[in-house]
N, C-alpha and C. Protein backbone atom coordinates (compact mmCIF):
# COMPACT_ATOMS: atom_id res chain seq x y z
N MET A 1 82.06 -63.22 53.01
CA MET A 1 80.60 -64.42 52.96
C MET A 1 78.70 -63.21 53.41
N GLU A 2 79.95 -62.79 55.01
CA GLU A 2 78.99 -62.18 55.78
C GLU A 2 78.46 -61.35 55.40
N THR A 3 79.76 -60.58 54.49
CA THR A 3 79.92 -58.63 54.20
C THR A 3 78.23 -58.65 52.43
N THR A 4 78.38 -59.47 52.07
CA THR A 4 77.75 -59.66 50.89
C THR A 4 76.19 -59.82 51.56
N THR A 5 76.44 -60.42 52.33
CA THR A 5 74.86 -60.65 53.03
C THR A 5 74.16 -59.55 53.46
N SER A 6 75.10 -58.73 54.58
CA SER A 6 74.72 -57.88 55.08
C SER A 6 74.45 -56.80 53.91
N ALA A 7 75.03 -56.57 52.61
CA ALA A 7 74.96 -55.46 51.67
C ALA A 7 74.01 -55.64 50.60
N LEU A 8 73.14 -56.82 50.80
CA LEU A 8 72.33 -57.49 50.31
C LEU A 8 70.79 -56.74 51.14
N GLY A 9 70.72 -56.81 52.49
CA GLY A 9 70.02 -56.77 53.62
C GLY A 9 69.52 -55.14 53.45
N VAL A 10 70.54 -54.47 53.60
CA VAL A 10 71.09 -52.96 53.60
C VAL A 10 69.94 -52.70 51.81
N LEU A 11 70.58 -53.28 51.41
CA LEU A 11 70.22 -52.91 49.84
C LEU A 11 68.62 -53.29 49.92
N THR A 12 68.42 -54.26 50.09
CA THR A 12 66.76 -54.40 50.42
C THR A 12 65.94 -53.54 51.10
N GLU A 13 66.50 -53.08 52.43
CA GLU A 13 65.92 -52.19 53.46
C GLU A 13 65.83 -50.83 52.48
N SER A 14 66.72 -50.01 52.43
CA SER A 14 66.76 -49.30 50.96
C SER A 14 65.30 -48.80 50.28
N THR A 15 65.76 -50.54 49.27
CA THR A 15 65.17 -50.48 47.97
C THR A 15 63.27 -50.05 48.95
N SER A 16 63.23 -50.85 49.98
CA SER A 16 61.41 -50.82 50.40
C SER A 16 61.83 -49.56 51.51
N PHE A 17 62.64 -48.21 51.46
CA PHE A 17 62.54 -47.86 51.98
C PHE A 17 61.67 -46.75 51.02
N ILE A 18 62.81 -46.44 50.13
CA ILE A 18 62.15 -45.45 48.52
C ILE A 18 61.13 -46.35 47.89
N TRP A 19 60.91 -47.76 48.12
CA TRP A 19 59.31 -48.19 47.27
C TRP A 19 58.57 -47.47 48.05
N ASP A 20 58.33 -47.63 49.35
CA ASP A 20 57.25 -46.63 50.41
C ASP A 20 56.89 -45.15 50.05
N LYS A 21 58.77 -44.59 50.03
CA LYS A 21 57.61 -43.38 50.34
C LYS A 21 57.22 -43.13 48.96
N PHE A 22 58.06 -43.82 47.86
CA PHE A 22 57.26 -43.00 46.10
C PHE A 22 55.49 -43.39 46.37
N THR A 23 54.91 -44.95 47.08
CA THR A 23 53.80 -45.03 47.56
C THR A 23 53.41 -44.09 47.72
N ASP A 24 53.96 -43.68 49.23
CA ASP A 24 52.67 -42.15 50.00
C ASP A 24 52.68 -41.51 49.03
N MET A 25 53.90 -40.90 48.21
CA MET A 25 54.41 -39.46 47.49
C MET A 25 52.52 -39.78 46.59
N ALA A 26 52.87 -41.52 45.54
CA ALA A 26 51.82 -40.64 44.37
C ALA A 26 49.82 -40.81 45.06
N GLY A 27 50.33 -41.32 46.30
CA GLY A 27 49.31 -41.60 46.97
C GLY A 27 48.22 -39.98 47.44
N ASP A 28 49.38 -39.06 47.77
CA ASP A 28 48.27 -38.01 48.34
C ASP A 28 48.65 -37.06 46.79
N LEU A 29 49.36 -37.40 45.86
CA LEU A 29 49.59 -36.86 44.46
C LEU A 29 47.52 -37.55 43.70
N LEU A 30 47.27 -38.74 43.34
CA LEU A 30 46.44 -39.20 43.58
C LEU A 30 44.79 -38.58 44.55
N ALA A 31 45.12 -38.10 45.69
CA ALA A 31 43.79 -38.12 46.14
C ALA A 31 43.90 -36.30 46.53
N THR A 32 45.03 -35.73 45.68
CA THR A 32 44.25 -34.20 45.55
C THR A 32 44.32 -34.29 44.03
N PRO A 33 42.64 -33.39 43.71
CA PRO A 33 42.58 -33.41 42.24
C PRO A 33 43.22 -32.17 42.18
N LEU A 34 43.84 -31.39 42.32
CA LEU A 34 44.80 -29.97 42.07
C LEU A 34 46.22 -30.01 41.89
N PHE A 35 46.54 -31.25 42.11
CA PHE A 35 47.83 -31.78 41.01
C PHE A 35 47.68 -33.19 39.95
N LEU A 36 46.53 -33.71 40.39
CA LEU A 36 46.38 -34.46 39.03
C LEU A 36 46.62 -33.47 37.48
N ILE A 37 46.02 -32.40 37.46
CA ILE A 37 46.06 -31.63 36.05
C ILE A 37 47.48 -31.51 35.97
N PRO A 38 48.28 -30.69 36.54
CA PRO A 38 49.85 -30.55 36.22
C PRO A 38 50.56 -32.10 35.25
N VAL A 39 50.24 -33.32 36.73
CA VAL A 39 51.08 -34.20 36.64
C VAL A 39 50.52 -35.38 35.35
N GLY A 40 49.46 -34.70 34.34
CA GLY A 40 48.44 -35.42 34.30
C GLY A 40 49.17 -35.17 32.75
N ILE A 41 49.37 -33.74 32.72
CA ILE A 41 50.03 -32.52 31.48
C ILE A 41 51.05 -33.22 31.04
N PHE A 42 51.42 -33.42 31.85
CA PHE A 42 53.31 -33.97 32.16
C PHE A 42 53.49 -35.35 31.24
N VAL A 43 52.66 -36.40 31.81
CA VAL A 43 52.23 -37.62 31.60
C VAL A 43 52.09 -37.90 30.20
N VAL A 44 51.49 -37.03 29.82
CA VAL A 44 51.17 -36.86 28.11
C VAL A 44 51.78 -36.36 27.55
N GLY A 45 52.77 -35.29 27.76
CA GLY A 45 53.95 -34.63 27.03
C GLY A 45 55.09 -35.65 26.66
N ALA A 46 54.75 -35.93 28.33
CA ALA A 46 56.53 -37.47 27.97
C ALA A 46 56.04 -38.30 26.97
N ALA A 47 54.99 -39.28 26.54
CA ALA A 47 54.31 -39.84 25.89
C ALA A 47 54.23 -39.17 24.96
N ILE A 48 53.94 -38.42 24.23
CA ILE A 48 54.20 -37.05 22.76
C ILE A 48 55.72 -37.24 22.84
N GLY A 49 56.58 -37.13 23.41
CA GLY A 49 58.01 -36.93 23.09
C GLY A 49 58.47 -38.22 22.85
N LEU A 50 57.93 -38.85 23.86
CA LEU A 50 58.51 -40.43 23.10
C LEU A 50 57.73 -41.46 22.27
N VAL A 51 57.07 -40.96 21.89
CA VAL A 51 56.38 -41.48 20.30
C VAL A 51 57.21 -40.68 19.12
N LYS A 52 57.69 -39.36 19.54
CA LYS A 52 58.11 -38.65 17.98
C LYS A 52 59.38 -39.15 18.23
N ARG A 53 59.59 -39.45 19.46
CA ARG A 53 61.38 -40.08 19.35
C ARG A 53 61.76 -41.07 18.62
N ILE A 54 60.73 -42.05 19.03
CA ILE A 54 60.14 -43.63 18.17
C ILE A 54 60.01 -43.16 16.92
N ILE A 55 59.45 -42.43 16.48
CA ILE A 55 59.15 -42.20 14.78
C ILE A 55 60.01 -41.97 14.59
N GLY A 56 60.19 -40.20 14.54
CA GLY A 56 60.65 -39.32 14.02
C GLY A 56 62.72 -39.98 13.96
């Protein structure tokens, strides 16, 4: 039982670490207008590709 609790603690800690790094990266991207243009183009392209796969 103790190893399960320990594993769950490690999983929670690592998930929290990854989420913190992701939010830091997202904050940096949103703060820099130069990065917003390619990210916006990527998001629009991904949305178009997803719609094409769903429809087609």
